[in-house]
Amino acid sequence: LSNEVISNVNVFCSRVLNRMFGNVDSTHVVTEDCHGFLTDVINHLASASSKAAECSYKITIDIEATFQSALLIIVIFRLISIKILWKFFVLLFKFLIFDVFLSPKLMEDGLYDFMIYEM
């Protein structure tokens, strides 16, 4: 019975365990086999609960790591996109100022030829 109970102990609910062990306290005298059985069940329950706690902790850590990675990726892409947009606007501004607005005036005044000659 003890091996059968130990192998299926995860399916026991707390009420069943309370019924099994609820009347047993330190004043009861039990046989050595019964004491071994109770010890095995309690040890198995303890190891099963610690394994479940480890798994839940690992799942929580994995979820947090995934969330942090996703946030990091979002922040990096936002920074990259902001830098790209900034460079685009700077280039657009330079193009508009120097190529569109200043070029005809420089060419008319002869300053453009002077600047090319000096370079």
N, C-alpha and C. Protein backbone atom coordinates (compact mmCIF):
# COMPACT_ATOMS: atom_id res chain seq x y z
N LEU A 1 0.82 -1.21 0.00
CA LEU A 1 0.00 0.00 0.00
C LEU A 1 0.85 1.26 0.00
N SER A 2 1.98 1.26 0.72
CA SER A 2 2.76 2.50 0.82
C SER A 2 3.32 2.91 -0.53
N ASN A 3 3.83 1.96 -1.32
CA ASN A 3 4.35 2.31 -2.64
C ASN A 3 3.24 2.84 -3.54
N GLU A 4 2.08 2.22 -3.44
CA GLU A 4 0.94 2.66 -4.25
C GLU A 4 0.53 4.08 -3.87
N VAL A 5 0.48 4.34 -2.57
CA VAL A 5 0.10 5.67 -2.11
C VAL A 5 1.17 6.69 -2.49
N ILE A 6 2.43 6.33 -2.31
CA ILE A 6 3.51 7.26 -2.60
C ILE A 6 3.56 7.57 -4.09
N SER A 7 3.34 6.58 -4.93
CA SER A 7 3.39 6.84 -6.37
C SER A 7 2.23 7.71 -6.83
N ASN A 8 1.11 7.68 -6.11
CA ASN A 8 -0.07 8.47 -6.51
C ASN A 8 -0.37 9.61 -5.54
N VAL A 9 0.64 10.00 -4.76
CA VAL A 9 0.37 10.97 -3.70
C VAL A 9 0.00 12.33 -4.26
N ASN A 10 0.41 12.64 -5.49
CA ASN A 10 0.09 13.94 -6.07
C ASN A 10 -1.39 14.11 -6.35
N VAL A 11 -2.14 13.00 -6.45
CA VAL A 11 -3.57 13.12 -6.72
C VAL A 11 -4.38 13.27 -5.44
N PHE A 12 -3.74 13.16 -4.28
CA PHE A 12 -4.47 13.29 -3.02
C PHE A 12 -4.77 14.75 -2.75
N CYS A 13 -5.97 15.02 -2.35
CA CYS A 13 -6.29 16.39 -1.94
C CYS A 13 -6.01 16.54 -0.46
N SER A 14 -6.04 17.76 0.03
CA SER A 14 -5.69 18.00 1.43
C SER A 14 -6.68 17.33 2.38
N ARG A 15 -7.94 17.20 1.97
CA ARG A 15 -8.93 16.55 2.85
C ARG A 15 -8.59 15.08 3.06
N VAL A 16 -8.16 14.42 1.98
CA VAL A 16 -7.79 13.01 2.11
C VAL A 16 -6.60 12.87 3.04
N LEU A 17 -5.59 13.74 2.87
CA LEU A 17 -4.42 13.67 3.73
C LEU A 17 -4.79 13.99 5.17
N ASN A 18 -5.69 14.93 5.38
CA ASN A 18 -6.13 15.23 6.74
C ASN A 18 -6.86 14.05 7.36
N ARG A 19 -7.65 13.33 6.56
CA ARG A 19 -8.33 12.15 7.08
C ARG A 19 -7.32 11.05 7.42
N MET A 20 -6.28 10.95 6.58
CA MET A 20 -5.28 9.90 6.84
C MET A 20 -4.46 10.21 8.08
N PHE A 21 -4.04 11.49 8.21
CA PHE A 21 -3.08 11.82 9.26
C PHE A 21 -3.66 12.70 10.36
N GLY A 22 -4.92 13.07 10.23
CA GLY A 22 -5.49 14.02 11.18
C GLY A 22 -5.53 13.51 12.61
N ASN A 23 -5.73 12.22 12.82
CA ASN A 23 -5.84 11.69 14.17
C ASN A 23 -4.51 11.19 14.72
N VAL A 24 -3.46 11.34 13.94
CA VAL A 24 -2.16 10.84 14.40
C VAL A 24 -1.40 12.01 15.02
N ASP A 25 -0.98 11.87 16.25
CA ASP A 25 -0.13 12.87 16.87
C ASP A 25 1.00 12.18 17.61
N SER A 26 1.77 12.94 18.36
CA SER A 26 2.97 12.38 18.98
C SER A 26 2.64 11.40 20.10
N THR A 27 1.38 11.38 20.58
CA THR A 27 1.04 10.45 21.68
C THR A 27 0.67 9.07 21.16
N HIS A 28 0.41 8.95 19.87
CA HIS A 28 0.02 7.65 19.33
C HIS A 28 1.24 6.76 19.16
N VAL A 29 1.01 5.50 19.44
CA VAL A 29 2.04 4.50 19.22
C VAL A 29 1.68 3.76 17.95
N VAL A 30 2.60 3.74 16.99
CA VAL A 30 2.35 3.04 15.74
C VAL A 30 3.46 2.03 15.52
N THR A 31 3.17 1.09 14.64
CA THR A 31 4.19 0.08 14.33
C THR A 31 5.30 0.73 13.51
N GLU A 32 6.40 0.03 13.42
CA GLU A 32 7.54 0.54 12.65
C GLU A 32 7.19 0.68 11.18
N ASP A 33 6.43 -0.30 10.65
CA ASP A 33 6.02 -0.22 9.25
C ASP A 33 5.13 0.99 9.00
N CYS A 34 4.20 1.23 9.90
CA CYS A 34 3.29 2.37 9.74
C CYS A 34 4.07 3.68 9.85
N HIS A 35 5.03 3.73 10.77
CA HIS A 35 5.85 4.93 10.92
C HIS A 35 6.66 5.17 9.65
N GLY A 36 7.21 4.09 9.08
CA GLY A 36 7.96 4.21 7.83
C GLY A 36 7.08 4.69 6.70
N PHE A 37 5.85 4.15 6.66
CA PHE A 37 4.91 4.56 5.62
C PHE A 37 4.58 6.05 5.74
N LEU A 38 4.27 6.49 6.95
CA LEU A 38 3.95 7.90 7.17
C LEU A 38 5.15 8.78 6.81
N THR A 39 6.34 8.35 7.20
CA THR A 39 7.54 9.12 6.89
C THR A 39 7.76 9.21 5.38
N ASP A 40 7.57 8.07 4.69
CA ASP A 40 7.73 8.08 3.23
C ASP A 40 6.74 9.03 2.56
N VAL A 41 5.48 8.98 2.99
CA VAL A 41 4.47 9.85 2.38
C VAL A 41 4.80 11.31 2.64
N ILE A 42 5.17 11.64 3.88
CA ILE A 42 5.49 13.03 4.21
C ILE A 42 6.72 13.49 3.43
N ASN A 43 7.74 12.64 3.34
CA ASN A 43 8.95 13.01 2.58
C ASN A 43 8.63 13.22 1.11
N HIS A 44 7.79 12.33 0.58
CA HIS A 44 7.42 12.46 -0.83
C HIS A 44 6.62 13.75 -1.06
N LEU A 45 5.71 14.05 -0.14
CA LEU A 45 4.95 15.30 -0.26
C LEU A 45 5.88 16.50 -0.20
N ALA A 46 6.85 16.46 0.70
CA ALA A 46 7.78 17.58 0.83
C ALA A 46 8.60 17.75 -0.44
N SER A 47 9.11 16.63 -1.00
CA SER A 47 9.91 16.75 -2.22
C SER A 47 9.05 17.19 -3.41
N ALA A 48 7.81 16.67 -3.47
CA ALA A 48 6.92 17.07 -4.57
C ALA A 48 6.59 18.55 -4.48
N SER A 49 6.34 19.03 -3.27
CA SER A 49 6.00 20.46 -3.14
C SER A 49 7.21 21.33 -3.43
N SER A 50 8.41 20.88 -3.03
CA SER A 50 9.60 21.69 -3.33
C SER A 50 9.88 21.69 -4.83
N LYS A 51 9.67 20.54 -5.50
CA LYS A 51 9.85 20.51 -6.96
C LYS A 51 8.84 21.42 -7.65
N ALA A 52 7.60 21.39 -7.17
CA ALA A 52 6.58 22.26 -7.75
C ALA A 52 6.94 23.73 -7.54
N ALA A 53 7.46 24.04 -6.35
CA ALA A 53 7.86 25.42 -6.07
C ALA A 53 9.02 25.83 -6.97
N GLU A 54 9.99 24.93 -7.18
CA GLU A 54 11.12 25.23 -8.07
C GLU A 54 10.62 25.48 -9.49
N CYS A 55 9.71 24.63 -9.97
CA CYS A 55 9.19 24.79 -11.33
C CYS A 55 8.45 26.12 -11.46
N SER A 56 7.63 26.44 -10.46
CA SER A 56 6.89 27.70 -10.55
C SER A 56 7.84 28.88 -10.48
N TYR A 57 8.91 28.77 -9.69
CA TYR A 57 9.91 29.85 -9.61
C TYR A 57 10.62 30.00 -10.96
N LYS A 58 11.00 28.87 -11.57
CA LYS A 58 11.67 28.92 -12.87
C LYS A 58 10.76 29.53 -13.94
N ILE A 59 9.48 29.16 -13.91
CA ILE A 59 8.54 29.71 -14.88
C ILE A 59 8.42 31.22 -14.68
N THR A 60 8.33 31.64 -13.40
CA THR A 60 8.24 33.08 -13.11
C THR A 60 9.48 33.81 -13.60
N ILE A 61 10.66 33.23 -13.34
CA ILE A 61 11.91 33.85 -13.77
C ILE A 61 11.96 33.93 -15.30
N ASP A 62 11.55 32.84 -15.98
CA ASP A 62 11.54 32.83 -17.44
C ASP A 62 10.60 33.90 -18.00
N ILE A 63 9.42 34.03 -17.38
CA ILE A 63 8.47 35.04 -17.84
C ILE A 63 9.03 36.44 -17.63
N GLU A 64 9.65 36.66 -16.45
CA GLU A 64 10.24 37.98 -16.19
C GLU A 64 11.37 38.27 -17.17
N ALA A 65 12.21 37.26 -17.44
CA ALA A 65 13.33 37.47 -18.38
C ALA A 65 12.80 37.77 -19.78
N THR A 66 11.76 37.04 -20.19
CA THR A 66 11.18 37.29 -21.51
C THR A 66 10.59 38.69 -21.58
N PHE A 67 9.89 39.10 -20.52
CA PHE A 67 9.31 40.43 -20.49
C PHE A 67 10.39 41.50 -20.54
N GLN A 68 11.47 41.31 -19.76
CA GLN A 68 12.56 42.28 -19.78
C GLN A 68 13.23 42.33 -21.14
N SER A 69 13.40 41.17 -21.77
CA SER A 69 13.99 41.15 -23.12
C SER A 69 13.10 41.89 -24.11
N ALA A 70 11.80 41.66 -24.01
CA ALA A 70 10.88 42.35 -24.91
C ALA A 70 10.93 43.86 -24.70
N LEU A 71 10.96 44.28 -23.43
CA LEU A 71 11.06 45.71 -23.16
C LEU A 71 12.36 46.29 -23.71
N LEU A 72 13.45 45.55 -23.53
CA LEU A 72 14.74 46.02 -24.03
C LEU A 72 14.72 46.16 -25.55
N ILE A 73 14.13 45.18 -26.22
CA ILE A 73 14.04 45.24 -27.69
C ILE A 73 13.20 46.45 -28.12
N ILE A 74 12.08 46.68 -27.42
CA ILE A 74 11.23 47.82 -27.76
C ILE A 74 11.98 49.13 -27.57
N VAL A 75 12.69 49.25 -26.43
CA VAL A 75 13.44 50.48 -26.16
C VAL A 75 14.52 50.70 -27.20
N ILE A 76 15.25 49.63 -27.54
CA ILE A 76 16.32 49.75 -28.54
C ILE A 76 15.75 50.17 -29.89
N PHE A 77 14.65 49.54 -30.31
CA PHE A 77 14.05 49.91 -31.60
C PHE A 77 13.53 51.34 -31.58
N ARG A 78 12.99 51.77 -30.44
CA ARG A 78 12.53 53.16 -30.36
C ARG A 78 13.71 54.11 -30.47
N LEU A 79 14.81 53.80 -29.76
CA LEU A 79 15.99 54.67 -29.85
C LEU A 79 16.53 54.71 -31.28
N ILE A 80 16.60 53.53 -31.90
CA ILE A 80 17.10 53.47 -33.28
C ILE A 80 16.18 54.27 -34.20
N SER A 81 14.88 54.08 -34.04
CA SER A 81 13.95 54.80 -34.92
C SER A 81 14.01 56.30 -34.67
N ILE A 82 14.19 56.72 -33.41
CA ILE A 82 14.33 58.15 -33.12
C ILE A 82 15.59 58.69 -33.77
N LYS A 83 16.70 57.94 -33.67
CA LYS A 83 17.95 58.39 -34.30
C LYS A 83 17.80 58.48 -35.81
N ILE A 84 17.15 57.49 -36.40
CA ILE A 84 16.95 57.50 -37.86
C ILE A 84 16.08 58.68 -38.26
N LEU A 85 15.01 58.92 -37.52
CA LEU A 85 14.15 60.06 -37.83
C LEU A 85 14.91 61.37 -37.67
N TRP A 86 15.72 61.48 -36.61
CA TRP A 86 16.50 62.70 -36.39
C TRP A 86 17.47 62.93 -37.55
N LYS A 87 18.17 61.86 -37.96
CA LYS A 87 19.11 62.01 -39.08
C LYS A 87 18.37 62.38 -40.37
N PHE A 88 17.21 61.79 -40.56
CA PHE A 88 16.42 62.11 -41.75
C PHE A 88 16.05 63.59 -41.76
N PHE A 89 15.57 64.10 -40.62
CA PHE A 89 15.18 65.51 -40.57
C PHE A 89 16.38 66.44 -40.70
N VAL A 90 17.52 66.05 -40.13
CA VAL A 90 18.73 66.87 -40.28
C VAL A 90 19.15 66.91 -41.74
N LEU A 91 19.17 65.74 -42.40
CA LEU A 91 19.53 65.71 -43.82
C LEU A 91 18.53 66.49 -44.67
N LEU A 92 17.26 66.35 -44.35
CA LEU A 92 16.24 67.10 -45.08
C LEU A 92 16.43 68.60 -44.89
N PHE A 93 16.71 69.01 -43.65
CA PHE A 93 16.96 70.42 -43.37
C PHE A 93 18.17 70.93 -44.14
N LYS A 94 19.27 70.14 -44.11
CA LYS A 94 20.47 70.54 -44.86
C LYS A 94 20.17 70.64 -46.35
N PHE A 95 19.45 69.68 -46.87
CA PHE A 95 19.11 69.69 -48.29
C PHE A 95 18.28 70.92 -48.64
N LEU A 96 17.27 71.19 -47.82
CA LEU A 96 16.41 72.34 -48.11
C LEU A 96 17.16 73.65 -48.01
N ILE A 97 17.98 73.79 -46.98
CA ILE A 97 18.69 75.06 -46.78
C ILE A 97 19.77 75.25 -47.83
N PHE A 98 20.66 74.29 -47.96
CA PHE A 98 21.84 74.48 -48.81
C PHE A 98 21.57 74.23 -50.29
N ASP A 99 20.79 73.22 -50.61
CA ASP A 99 20.60 72.88 -52.02
C ASP A 99 19.43 73.62 -52.67
N VAL A 100 18.36 73.82 -51.92
CA VAL A 100 17.18 74.42 -52.53
C VAL A 100 17.19 75.94 -52.40
N PHE A 101 17.41 76.43 -51.17
CA PHE A 101 17.28 77.87 -50.95
C PHE A 101 18.56 78.65 -51.27
N LEU A 102 19.72 78.12 -50.91
CA LEU A 102 20.95 78.89 -51.06
C LEU A 102 21.63 78.71 -52.42
N SER A 103 21.43 77.60 -53.08
CA SER A 103 22.13 77.36 -54.34
C SER A 103 21.87 78.42 -55.40
N PRO A 104 20.63 78.75 -55.68
CA PRO A 104 20.42 79.76 -56.73
C PRO A 104 21.03 81.11 -56.38
N LYS A 105 20.94 81.50 -55.11
CA LYS A 105 21.50 82.79 -54.71
C LYS A 105 23.02 82.77 -54.80
N LEU A 106 23.62 81.66 -54.39
CA LEU A 106 25.07 81.57 -54.45
C LEU A 106 25.55 81.58 -55.89
N MET A 107 24.83 80.89 -56.74
CA MET A 107 25.24 80.86 -58.15
C MET A 107 25.04 82.22 -58.81
N GLU A 108 23.99 82.93 -58.43
CA GLU A 108 23.76 84.26 -59.00
C GLU A 108 24.83 85.25 -58.56
N ASP A 109 25.22 85.16 -57.30
CA ASP A 109 26.19 86.12 -56.77
C ASP A 109 27.63 85.74 -57.07
N GLY A 110 27.85 84.57 -57.59
CA GLY A 110 29.21 84.16 -57.87
C GLY A 110 29.95 83.61 -56.67
N LEU A 111 29.29 83.56 -55.52
CA LEU A 111 29.94 83.03 -54.32
C LEU A 111 30.16 81.52 -54.43
N TYR A 112 29.26 80.87 -55.15
CA TYR A 112 29.37 79.42 -55.29
C TYR A 112 30.67 79.06 -56.03
N ASP A 113 30.95 79.79 -57.10
CA ASP A 113 32.19 79.54 -57.85
C ASP A 113 33.41 79.84 -56.99
N PHE A 114 33.31 80.88 -56.17
CA PHE A 114 34.41 81.24 -55.29
C PHE A 114 34.67 80.14 -54.26
N MET A 115 33.58 79.57 -53.71
CA MET A 115 33.71 78.52 -52.69
C MET A 115 34.32 77.26 -53.31
N ILE A 116 33.92 76.93 -54.53
CA ILE A 116 34.48 75.75 -55.20
C ILE A 116 35.96 75.98 -55.49
N TYR A 117 36.30 77.19 -55.93
CA TYR A 117 37.69 77.52 -56.25
C TYR A 117 38.58 77.44 -55.01
N GLU A 118 38.05 77.87 -53.85
CA GLU A 118 38.83 77.86 -52.61
C GLU A 118 39.03 76.45 -52.08
N MET A 119 38.13 75.54 -52.34
CA MET A 119 38.24 74.17 -51.83
C MET A 119 39.33 73.46 -52.58
